[in-house]
Amino acid sequence: CSAFESKPVVMPTEWQCTPEVPSYLLNPLPAPDRPVASNRDLLSLLADYESQRRRFNADRTATASILERLADGPDGAEQTTAE
Protein backbone atom coordinates (compact mmCIF):
# COMPACT_ATOMS: atom_id res chain seq x y z
CA CYS A 1 0.00 0.00 0.00
CA SER A 2 2.80 2.42 0.78
CA ALA A 3 4.19 2.08 -2.75
CA PHE A 4 0.81 2.90 -4.27
CA GLU A 5 0.62 6.45 -5.48
CA SER A 6 -2.85 7.94 -5.86
CA LYS A 7 -3.35 10.58 -8.51
CA PRO A 8 -6.50 12.58 -9.15
CA VAL A 9 -8.41 11.40 -12.18
CA VAL A 10 -9.77 14.04 -14.52
CA MET A 11 -12.98 12.97 -16.22
CA PRO A 12 -13.38 13.68 -19.92
CA THR A 13 -15.46 16.76 -20.66
CA GLU A 14 -18.25 14.74 -22.26
CA TRP A 15 -18.73 12.87 -18.96
CA GLN A 16 -18.94 15.99 -16.86
CA CYS A 17 -22.32 17.61 -16.66
CA THR A 18 -23.30 21.04 -15.53
CA PRO A 19 -26.95 21.63 -14.75
CA GLU A 20 -28.64 23.92 -17.21
CA VAL A 21 -31.48 25.37 -15.19
CA PRO A 22 -33.60 27.91 -17.09
CA SER A 23 -33.23 31.47 -15.86
CA TYR A 24 -36.95 31.79 -15.06
CA LEU A 25 -36.44 29.13 -12.40
CA LEU A 26 -33.67 31.14 -10.77
CA ASN A 27 -34.95 34.72 -10.96
CA PRO A 28 -37.13 35.92 -8.08
CA LEU A 29 -40.66 37.05 -8.78
CA PRO A 30 -42.04 40.20 -7.20
CA ALA A 31 -44.90 39.99 -4.73
CA PRO A 32 -48.31 40.70 -6.22
CA ASP A 33 -49.00 44.43 -6.05
CA ARG A 34 -52.67 45.27 -5.82
CA PRO A 35 -54.26 48.13 -3.89
CA VAL A 36 -56.72 46.86 -1.32
CA ALA A 37 -59.72 49.08 -0.68
CA SER A 38 -62.44 46.48 -0.26
CA ASN A 39 -63.02 42.84 0.57
CA ARG A 40 -63.20 42.11 -3.16
CA ASP A 41 -59.73 43.61 -3.64
CA LEU A 42 -58.47 41.52 -0.74
CA LEU A 43 -59.85 38.35 -2.34
CA SER A 44 -58.25 39.31 -5.65
CA LEU A 45 -54.91 39.79 -3.91
CA LEU A 46 -55.31 36.38 -2.27
CA ALA A 47 -56.03 34.89 -5.72
CA ASP A 48 -52.85 36.53 -7.04
CA TYR A 49 -50.81 34.95 -4.25
CA GLU A 50 -52.40 31.56 -4.89
CA SER A 51 -51.57 31.84 -8.59
CA GLN A 52 -47.98 32.71 -7.74
CA ARG A 53 -47.75 29.79 -5.29
CA ARG A 54 -48.91 27.39 -7.98
CA ARG A 55 -46.34 28.79 -10.40
CA PHE A 56 -43.57 28.38 -7.83
CA ASN A 57 -44.58 24.76 -7.27
CA ALA A 58 -44.61 24.13 -11.02
CA ASP A 59 -41.15 25.71 -11.28
CA ARG A 60 -39.85 23.50 -8.48
CA THR A 61 -41.26 20.43 -10.20
CA ALA A 62 -39.58 21.47 -13.46
CA THR A 63 -36.27 22.05 -11.66
CA ALA A 64 -36.46 18.64 -9.99
CA SER A 65 -37.19 17.05 -13.37
CA ILE A 66 -34.17 18.74 -14.96
CA LEU A 67 -31.85 17.69 -12.15
CA GLU A 68 -33.24 14.13 -12.20
CA ARG A 69 -32.57 13.84 -15.94
CA LEU A 70 -29.03 15.14 -15.43
CA ALA A 71 -28.44 12.65 -12.64
CA ASP A 72 -29.47 9.82 -14.99
CA GLY A 73 -26.68 10.87 -17.36
CA PRO A 74 -26.78 11.65 -21.07
CA ASP A 75 -28.77 8.52 -21.91
CA GLY A 76 -31.55 9.46 -19.47
CA ALA A 77 -31.86 12.94 -20.96
CA GLU A 78 -32.14 11.55 -24.48
CA GLN A 79 -34.83 9.06 -23.49
CA THR A 80 -36.94 11.73 -21.82
CA THR A 81 -36.84 14.04 -24.84
CA ALA A 82 -37.59 11.15 -27.21
CA GLU A 83 -40.80 10.24 -25.35
PDB file of N, CA and C in Angstrom:
ATOM      1  N   CYS A   1       0.815  -1.197   0.000  1.00  0.00           N
ATOM      2  CA  CYS A   1       0.000   0.000   0.000  1.00  0.00           C
ATOM      3  C   CYS A   1       0.853   1.252   0.000  1.00  0.00           C
ATOM      4  N   SER A   2       1.994   1.215   0.694  1.00  0.00           N
ATOM      5  CA  SER A   2       2.804   2.423   0.779  1.00  0.00           C
ATOM      6  C   SER A   2       3.428   2.780  -0.568  1.00  0.00           C
ATOM      7  N   ALA A   3       3.600   1.801  -1.450  1.00  0.00           N
ATOM      8  CA  ALA A   3       4.185   2.078  -2.752  1.00  0.00           C
ATOM      9  C   ALA A   3       3.135   2.594  -3.734  1.00  0.00           C
ATOM     10  N   PHE A   4       1.884   2.458  -3.383  1.00  0.00           N
ATOM     11  CA  PHE A   4       0.807   2.904  -4.271  1.00  0.00           C
ATOM     12  C   PHE A   4       0.706   4.421  -4.232  1.00  0.00           C
ATOM     13  N   GLU A   5       0.692   4.999  -5.390  1.00  0.00           N
ATOM     14  CA  GLU A   5       0.625   6.451  -5.484  1.00  0.00           C
ATOM     15  C   GLU A   5      -0.726   6.829  -6.091  1.00  0.00           C
ATOM     16  N   SER A   6      -1.534   7.552  -5.337  1.00  0.00           N
ATOM     17  CA  SER A   6      -2.847   7.944  -5.862  1.00  0.00           C
ATOM     18  C   SER A   6      -2.741   9.291  -6.560  1.00  0.00           C
ATOM     19  N   LYS A   7      -3.333   9.345  -7.734  1.00  0.00           N
ATOM     20  CA  LYS A   7      -3.350  10.581  -8.514  1.00  0.00           C
ATOM     21  C   LYS A   7      -4.803  10.924  -8.810  1.00  0.00           C
ATOM     22  N   PRO A   8      -5.133  12.205  -8.804  1.00  0.00           N
ATOM     23  CA  PRO A   8      -6.504  12.578  -9.149  1.00  0.00           C
ATOM     24  C   PRO A   8      -6.800  12.230 -10.609  1.00  0.00           C
ATOM     25  N   VAL A   9      -7.989  11.761 -10.827  1.00  0.00           N
ATOM     26  CA  VAL A   9      -8.406  11.398 -12.179  1.00  0.00           C
ATOM     27  C   VAL A   9      -9.290  12.509 -12.711  1.00  0.00           C
ATOM     28  N   VAL A  10      -8.966  13.005 -13.885  1.00  0.00           N
ATOM     29  CA  VAL A  10      -9.766  14.037 -14.520  1.00  0.00           C
ATOM     30  C   VAL A  10     -10.695  13.357 -15.515  1.00  0.00           C
ATOM     31  N   MET A  11     -11.997  13.581 -15.332  1.00  0.00           N
ATOM     32  CA  MET A  11     -12.978  12.966 -16.219  1.00  0.00           C
ATOM     33  C   MET A  11     -13.001  13.716 -17.547  1.00  0.00           C
ATOM     34  N   PRO A  12     -13.239  13.003 -18.636  1.00  0.00           N
ATOM     35  CA  PRO A  12     -13.377  13.685 -19.921  1.00  0.00           C
ATOM     36  C   PRO A  12     -14.550  14.665 -19.890  1.00  0.00           C
ATOM     37  N   THR A  13     -14.441  15.715 -20.652  1.00  0.00           N
ATOM     38  CA  THR A  13     -15.456  16.762 -20.655  1.00  0.00           C
ATOM     39  C   THR A  13     -16.838  16.219 -20.978  1.00  0.00           C
ATOM     40  N   GLU A  14     -16.937  15.257 -21.894  1.00  0.00           N
ATOM     41  CA  GLU A  14     -18.250  14.743 -22.264  1.00  0.00           C
ATOM     42  C   GLU A  14     -18.916  13.970 -21.124  1.00  0.00           C
ATOM     43  N   TRP A  15     -18.161  13.575 -20.098  1.00  0.00           N
ATOM     44  CA  TRP A  15     -18.734  12.866 -18.955  1.00  0.00           C
ATOM     45  C   TRP A  15     -19.156  13.825 -17.862  1.00  0.00           C
ATOM     46  N   GLN A  16     -18.598  15.009 -17.870  1.00  0.00           N
ATOM     47  CA  GLN A  16     -18.940  15.990 -16.863  1.00  0.00           C
ATOM     48  C   GLN A  16     -20.230  16.677 -17.276  1.00  0.00           C
ATOM     49  N   CYS A  17     -21.086  16.917 -16.320  1.00  0.00           N
ATOM     50  CA  CYS A  17     -22.322  17.615 -16.660  1.00  0.00           C
ATOM     51  C   CYS A  17     -22.494  18.807 -15.727  1.00  0.00           C
ATOM     52  N   THR A  18     -22.965  19.868 -16.307  1.00  0.00           N
ATOM     53  CA  THR A  18     -23.299  21.041 -15.532  1.00  0.00           C
ATOM     54  C   THR A  18     -24.793  21.279 -15.712  1.00  0.00           C
ATOM     55  N   PRO A  19     -25.507  21.434 -14.630  1.00  0.00           N
ATOM     56  CA  PRO A  19     -26.948  21.627 -14.754  1.00  0.00           C
ATOM     57  C   PRO A  19     -27.273  22.895 -15.531  1.00  0.00           C
ATOM     58  N   GLU A  20     -28.173  22.761 -16.459  1.00  0.00           N
ATOM     59  CA  GLU A  20     -28.645  23.919 -17.215  1.00  0.00           C
ATOM     60  C   GLU A  20     -30.064  24.203 -16.760  1.00  0.00           C
ATOM     61  N   VAL A  21     -30.178  25.019 -15.735  1.00  0.00           N
ATOM     62  CA  VAL A  21     -31.477  25.368 -15.193  1.00  0.00           C
ATOM     63  C   VAL A  21     -31.915  26.662 -15.864  1.00  0.00           C
ATOM     64  N   PRO A  22     -33.122  26.688 -16.422  1.00  0.00           N
ATOM     65  CA  PRO A  22     -33.604  27.907 -17.094  1.00  0.00           C
ATOM     66  C   PRO A  22     -33.607  29.103 -16.137  1.00  0.00           C
ATOM     67  N   SER A  23     -33.348  30.271 -16.693  1.00  0.00           N
ATOM     68  CA  SER A  23     -33.233  31.470 -15.855  1.00  0.00           C
ATOM     69  C   SER A  23     -34.537  31.800 -15.134  1.00  0.00           C
ATOM     70  N   TYR A  24     -35.688  31.468 -15.730  1.00  0.00           N
ATOM     71  CA  TYR A  24     -36.947  31.790 -15.059  1.00  0.00           C
ATOM     72  C   TYR A  24     -37.136  30.978 -13.779  1.00  0.00           C
ATOM     73  N   LEU A  25     -36.374  29.905 -13.633  1.00  0.00           N
ATOM     74  CA  LEU A  25     -36.440  29.134 -12.398  1.00  0.00           C
ATOM     75  C   LEU A  25     -35.527  29.708 -11.320  1.00  0.00           C
ATOM     76  N   LEU A  26     -34.631  30.588 -11.711  1.00  0.00           N
ATOM     77  CA  LEU A  26     -33.666  31.144 -10.773  1.00  0.00           C
ATOM     78  C   LEU A  26     -33.978  32.581 -10.374  1.00  0.00           C
ATOM     79  N   ASN A  27     -34.674  33.316 -11.230  1.00  0.00           N
ATOM     80  CA  ASN A  27     -34.949  34.720 -10.955  1.00  0.00           C
ATOM     81  C   ASN A  27     -36.137  34.864 -10.007  1.00  0.00           C
ATOM     82  N   PRO A  28     -36.013  35.729  -9.011  1.00  0.00           N
ATOM     83  CA  PRO A  28     -37.132  35.923  -8.081  1.00  0.00           C
ATOM     84  C   PRO A  28     -38.288  36.657  -8.753  1.00  0.00           C
ATOM     85  N   LEU A  29     -39.475  36.351  -8.298  1.00  0.00           N
ATOM     86  CA  LEU A  29     -40.662  37.050  -8.777  1.00  0.00           C
ATOM     87  C   LEU A  29     -41.091  38.071  -7.734  1.00  0.00           C
ATOM     88  N   PRO A  30     -41.579  39.223  -8.172  1.00  0.00           N
ATOM     89  CA  PRO A  30     -42.041  40.205  -7.196  1.00  0.00           C
ATOM     90  C   PRO A  30     -43.364  39.756  -6.569  1.00  0.00           C
ATOM     91  N   ALA A  31     -43.629  40.271  -5.394  1.00  0.00           N
ATOM     92  CA  ALA A  31     -44.901  39.992  -4.734  1.00  0.00           C
ATOM     93  C   ALA A  31     -46.014  40.666  -5.530  1.00  0.00           C
ATOM     94  N   PRO A  32     -47.192  40.055  -5.541  1.00  0.00           N
ATOM     95  CA  PRO A  32     -48.311  40.704  -6.224  1.00  0.00           C
ATOM     96  C   PRO A  32     -48.562  42.091  -5.628  1.00  0.00           C
ATOM     97  N   ASP A  33     -48.788  43.051  -6.485  1.00  0.00           N
ATOM     98  CA  ASP A  33     -49.004  44.431  -6.045  1.00  0.00           C
ATOM     99  C   ASP A  33     -50.402  44.842  -6.486  1.00  0.00           C
ATOM    100  N   ARG A  34     -51.294  44.908  -5.533  1.00  0.00           N
ATOM    101  CA  ARG A  34     -52.673  45.269  -5.825  1.00  0.00           C
ATOM    102  C   ARG A  34     -53.180  46.126  -4.661  1.00  0.00           C
ATOM    103  N   PRO A  35     -53.704  47.310  -4.982  1.00  0.00           N
ATOM    104  CA  PRO A  35     -54.256  48.126  -3.891  1.00  0.00           C
ATOM    105  C   PRO A  35     -55.500  47.455  -3.302  1.00  0.00           C
ATOM    106  N   VAL A  36     -55.588  47.492  -1.998  1.00  0.00           N
ATOM    107  CA  VAL A  36     -56.715  46.860  -1.316  1.00  0.00           C
ATOM    108  C   VAL A  36     -57.582  47.946  -0.683  1.00  0.00           C
ATOM    109  N   ALA A  37     -58.789  48.095  -1.223  1.00  0.00           N
ATOM    110  CA  ALA A  37     -59.721  49.085  -0.683  1.00  0.00           C
ATOM    111  C   ALA A  37     -61.029  48.437  -0.242  1.00  0.00           C
ATOM    112  N   SER A  38     -61.201  47.164  -0.621  1.00  0.00           N
ATOM    113  CA  SER A  38     -62.445  46.479  -0.258  1.00  0.00           C
ATOM    114  C   SER A  38     -62.152  44.999  -0.062  1.00  0.00           C
ATOM    115  N   ASN A  39     -63.165  44.288   0.399  1.00  0.00           N
ATOM    116  CA  ASN A  39     -63.017  42.843   0.566  1.00  0.00           C
ATOM    117  C   ASN A  39     -62.776  42.166  -0.783  1.00  0.00           C
ATOM    118  N   ARG A  40     -63.401  42.676  -1.822  1.00  0.00           N
ATOM    119  CA  ARG A  40     -63.202  42.109  -3.165  1.00  0.00           C
ATOM    120  C   ARG A  40     -61.741  42.248  -3.594  1.00  0.00           C
ATOM    121  N   ASP A  41     -61.145  43.406  -3.323  1.00  0.00           N
ATOM    122  CA  ASP A  41     -59.729  43.614  -3.641  1.00  0.00           C
ATOM    123  C   ASP A  41     -58.850  42.653  -2.838  1.00  0.00           C
ATOM    124  N   LEU A  42     -59.228  42.437  -1.589  1.00  0.00           N
ATOM    125  CA  LEU A  42     -58.466  41.524  -0.742  1.00  0.00           C
ATOM    126  C   LEU A  42     -58.539  40.093  -1.291  1.00  0.00           C
ATOM    127  N   LEU A  43     -59.718  39.689  -1.744  1.00  0.00           N
ATOM    128  CA  LEU A  43     -59.855  38.354  -2.340  1.00  0.00           C
ATOM    129  C   LEU A  43     -59.065  38.244  -3.641  1.00  0.00           C
ATOM    130  N   SER A  44     -59.036  39.313  -4.413  1.00  0.00           N
ATOM    131  CA  SER A  44     -58.250  39.311  -5.650  1.00  0.00           C
ATOM    132  C   SER A  44     -56.758  39.195  -5.351  1.00  0.00           C
ATOM    133  N   LEU A  45     -56.315  39.888  -4.314  1.00  0.00           N
ATOM    134  CA  LEU A  45     -54.906  39.794  -3.908  1.00  0.00           C
ATOM    135  C   LEU A  45     -54.592  38.369  -3.454  1.00  0.00           C
ATOM    136  N   LEU A  46     -55.486  37.761  -2.705  1.00  0.00           N
ATOM    137  CA  LEU A  46     -55.310  36.381  -2.270  1.00  0.00           C
ATOM    138  C   LEU A  46     -55.235  35.446  -3.482  1.00  0.00           C
ATOM    139  N   ALA A  47     -56.067  35.688  -4.488  1.00  0.00           N
ATOM    140  CA  ALA A  47     -56.026  34.887  -5.715  1.00  0.00           C
ATOM    141  C   ALA A  47     -54.692  35.062  -6.440  1.00  0.00           C
ATOM    142  N   ASP A  48     -54.157  36.286  -6.427  1.00  0.00           N
ATOM    143  CA  ASP A  48     -52.846  36.535  -7.042  1.00  0.00           C
ATOM    144  C   ASP A  48     -51.753  35.736  -6.332  1.00  0.00           C
ATOM    145  N   TYR A  49     -51.796  35.731  -5.004  1.00  0.00           N
ATOM    146  CA  TYR A  49     -50.806  34.955  -4.248  1.00  0.00           C
ATOM    147  C   TYR A  49     -50.959  33.458  -4.506  1.00  0.00           C
ATOM    148  N   GLU A  50     -52.191  32.980  -4.611  1.00  0.00           N
ATOM    149  CA  GLU A  50     -52.400  31.558  -4.889  1.00  0.00           C
ATOM    150  C   GLU A  50     -51.878  31.200  -6.278  1.00  0.00           C
ATOM    151  N   SER A  51     -52.091  32.062  -7.239  1.00  0.00           N
ATOM    152  CA  SER A  51     -51.572  31.841  -8.589  1.00  0.00           C
ATOM    153  C   SER A  51     -50.047  31.782  -8.582  1.00  0.00           C
ATOM    154  N   GLN A  52     -49.440  32.684  -7.827  1.00  0.00           N
ATOM    155  CA  GLN A  52     -47.983  32.708  -7.741  1.00  0.00           C
ATOM    156  C   GLN A  52     -47.463  31.454  -7.027  1.00  0.00           C
ATOM    157  N   ARG A  53     -48.159  31.000  -5.993  1.00  0.00           N
ATOM    158  CA  ARG A  53     -47.753  29.789  -5.286  1.00  0.00           C
ATOM    159  C   ARG A  53     -47.789  28.580  -6.217  1.00  0.00           C
ATOM    160  N   ARG A  54     -48.820  28.501  -7.027  1.00  0.00           N
ATOM    161  CA  ARG A  54     -48.913  27.390  -7.983  1.00  0.00           C
ATOM    162  C   ARG A  54     -47.784  27.446  -9.002  1.00  0.00           C
ATOM    163  N   ARG A  55     -47.447  28.650  -9.444  1.00  0.00           N
ATOM    164  CA  ARG A  55     -46.343  28.788 -10.401  1.00  0.00           C
ATOM    165  C   ARG A  55     -45.029  28.367  -9.771  1.00  0.00           C
ATOM    166  N   PHE A  56     -44.801  28.779  -8.523  1.00  0.00           N
ATOM    167  CA  PHE A  56     -43.574  28.381  -7.826  1.00  0.00           C
ATOM    168  C   PHE A  56     -43.486  26.870  -7.724  1.00  0.00           C
ATOM    169  N   ASN A  57     -44.586  26.216  -7.379  1.00  0.00           N
ATOM    170  CA  ASN A  57     -44.578  24.758  -7.268  1.00  0.00           C
ATOM    171  C   ASN A  57     -44.311  24.111  -8.621  1.00  0.00           C
ATOM    172  N   ALA A  58     -44.879  24.660  -9.686  1.00  0.00           N
ATOM    173  CA  ALA A  58     -44.613  24.133 -11.023  1.00  0.00           C
ATOM    174  C   ALA A  58     -43.140  24.317 -11.384  1.00  0.00           C
ATOM    175  N   ASP A  59     -42.570  25.460 -11.017  1.00  0.00           N
ATOM    176  CA  ASP A  59     -41.155  25.711 -11.280  1.00  0.00           C
ATOM    177  C   ASP A  59     -40.272  24.731 -10.510  1.00  0.00           C
ATOM    178  N   ARG A  60     -40.641  24.458  -9.270  1.00  0.00           N
ATOM    179  CA  ARG A  60     -39.854  23.505  -8.481  1.00  0.00           C
ATOM    180  C   ARG A  60     -39.936  22.110  -9.077  1.00  0.00           C
ATOM    181  N   THR A  61     -41.101  21.734  -9.558  1.00  0.00           N
ATOM    182  CA  THR A  61     -41.265  20.432 -10.202  1.00  0.00           C
ATOM    183  C   THR A  61     -40.403  20.363 -11.459  1.00  0.00           C
ATOM    184  N   ALA A  62     -40.393  21.438 -12.244  1.00  0.00           N
ATOM    185  CA  ALA A  62     -39.578  21.473 -13.457  1.00  0.00           C
ATOM    186  C   ALA A  62     -38.092  21.386 -13.115  1.00  0.00           C
ATOM    187  N   THR A  63     -37.671  22.093 -12.074  1.00  0.00           N
ATOM    188  CA  THR A  63     -36.270  22.051 -11.664  1.00  0.00           C
ATOM    189  C   THR A  63     -35.880  20.647 -11.222  1.00  0.00           C
ATOM    190  N   ALA A  64     -36.737  20.009 -10.433  1.00  0.00           N
ATOM    191  CA  ALA A  64     -36.461  18.641  -9.988  1.00  0.00           C
ATOM    192  C   ALA A  64     -36.367  17.694 -11.175  1.00  0.00           C
ATOM    193  N   SER A  65     -37.212  17.887 -12.169  1.00  0.00           N
ATOM    194  CA  SER A  65     -37.188  17.049 -13.369  1.00  0.00           C
ATOM    195  C   SER A  65     -35.881  17.221 -14.135  1.00  0.00           C
ATOM    196  N   ILE A  66     -35.431  18.464 -14.263  1.00  0.00           N
ATOM    197  CA  ILE A  66     -34.171  18.740 -14.965  1.00  0.00           C
ATOM    198  C   ILE A  66     -33.014  18.077 -14.237  1.00  0.00           C
ATOM    199  N   LEU A  67     -32.958  18.256 -12.929  1.00  0.00           N
ATOM    200  CA  LEU A  67     -31.854  17.687 -12.152  1.00  0.00           C
ATOM    201  C   LEU A  67     -31.915  16.163 -12.147  1.00  0.00           C
ATOM    202  N   GLU A  68     -33.103  15.596 -12.163  1.00  0.00           N
ATOM    203  CA  GLU A  68     -33.243  14.134 -12.205  1.00  0.00           C
ATOM    204  C   GLU A  68     -32.724  13.590 -13.532  1.00  0.00           C
ATOM    205  N   ARG A  69     -33.067  14.273 -14.627  1.00  0.00           N
ATOM    206  CA  ARG A  69     -32.565  13.837 -15.938  1.00  0.00           C
ATOM    207  C   ARG A  69     -31.060  13.942 -16.014  1.00  0.00           C
ATOM    208  N   LEU A  70     -30.489  14.995 -15.419  1.00  0.00           N
ATOM    209  CA  LEU A  70     -29.033  15.144 -15.432  1.00  0.00           C
ATOM    210  C   LEU A  70     -28.370  14.074 -14.581  1.00  0.00           C
ATOM    211  N   ALA A  71     -29.001  13.688 -13.493  1.00  0.00           N
ATOM    212  CA  ALA A  71     -28.441  12.648 -12.636  1.00  0.00           C
ATOM    213  C   ALA A  71     -28.437  11.295 -13.338  1.00  0.00           C
ATOM    214  N   ASP A  72     -29.409  11.084 -14.244  1.00  0.00           N
ATOM    215  CA  ASP A  72     -29.473   9.823 -14.992  1.00  0.00           C
ATOM    216  C   ASP A  72     -28.386   9.740 -16.053  1.00  0.00           C
ATOM    217  N   GLY A  73     -27.739  10.852 -16.349  1.00  0.00           N
ATOM    218  CA  GLY A  73     -26.681  10.869 -17.359  1.00  0.00           C
ATOM    219  C   GLY A  73     -27.236  11.213 -18.722  1.00  0.00           C
ATOM    220  N   PRO A  74     -26.360  11.249 -19.729  1.00  0.00           N
ATOM    221  CA  PRO A  74     -26.779  11.653 -21.065  1.00  0.00           C
ATOM    222  C   PRO A  74     -27.831  10.726 -21.668  1.00  0.00           C
ATOM    223  N   ASP A  75     -27.788   9.434 -21.358  1.00  0.00           N
ATOM    224  CA  ASP A  75     -28.771   8.523 -21.910  1.00  0.00           C
ATOM    225  C   ASP A  75     -30.162   8.801 -21.355  1.00  0.00           C
ATOM    226  N   GLY A  76     -30.264   9.156 -20.091  1.00  0.00           N
ATOM    227  CA  GLY A  76     -31.552   9.460 -19.475  1.00  0.00           C
ATOM    228  C   GLY A  76     -32.178  10.714 -20.055  1.00  0.00           C
ATOM    229  N   ALA A  77     -31.346  11.721 -20.374  1.00  0.00           N
ATOM    230  CA  ALA A  77     -31.862  12.944 -20.958  1.00  0.00           C
ATOM    231  C   ALA A  77     -32.381  12.707 -22.352  1.00  0.00           C
ATOM    232  N   GLU A  78     -31.703  11.842 -23.116  1.00  0.00           N
ATOM    233  CA  GLU A  78     -32.138  11.549 -24.484  1.00  0.00           C
ATOM    234  C   GLU A  78     -33.438  10.767 -24.485  1.00  0.00           C
ATOM    235  N   GLN A  79     -33.613   9.844 -23.552  1.00  0.00           N
ATOM    236  CA  GLN A  79     -34.831   9.059 -23.487  1.00  0.00           C
ATOM    237  C   GLN A  79     -36.022   9.924 -23.133  1.00  0.00           C
ATOM    238  N   THR A  80     -35.846  10.887 -22.233  1.00  0.00           N
ATOM    239  CA  THR A  80     -36.943  11.733 -21.816  1.00  0.00           C
ATOM    240  C   THR A  80     -37.387  12.625 -22.948  1.00  0.00           C
ATOM    241  N   THR A  81     -36.456  13.175 -23.732  1.00  0.00           N
ATOM    242  CA  THR A  81     -36.837  14.036 -24.838  1.00  0.00           C
ATOM    243  C   THR A  81     -37.425  13.244 -25.987  1.00  0.00           C
ATOM    244  N   ALA A  82     -37.075  11.965 -26.118  1.00  0.00           N
ATOM    245  CA  ALA A  82     -37.592  11.153 -27.208  1.00  0.00           C
ATOM    246  C   ALA A  82     -39.028  10.721 -26.962  1.00  0.00           C
ATOM    247  N   GLU A  83     -39.460  10.704 -25.685  1.00  0.00           N
ATOM    248  CA  GLU A  83     -40.801  10.237 -25.353  1.00  0.00           C
ATOM    249  C   GLU A  83     -41.855  11.147 -25.807  1.00  0.00           C
TER     250      GLU A  83
END
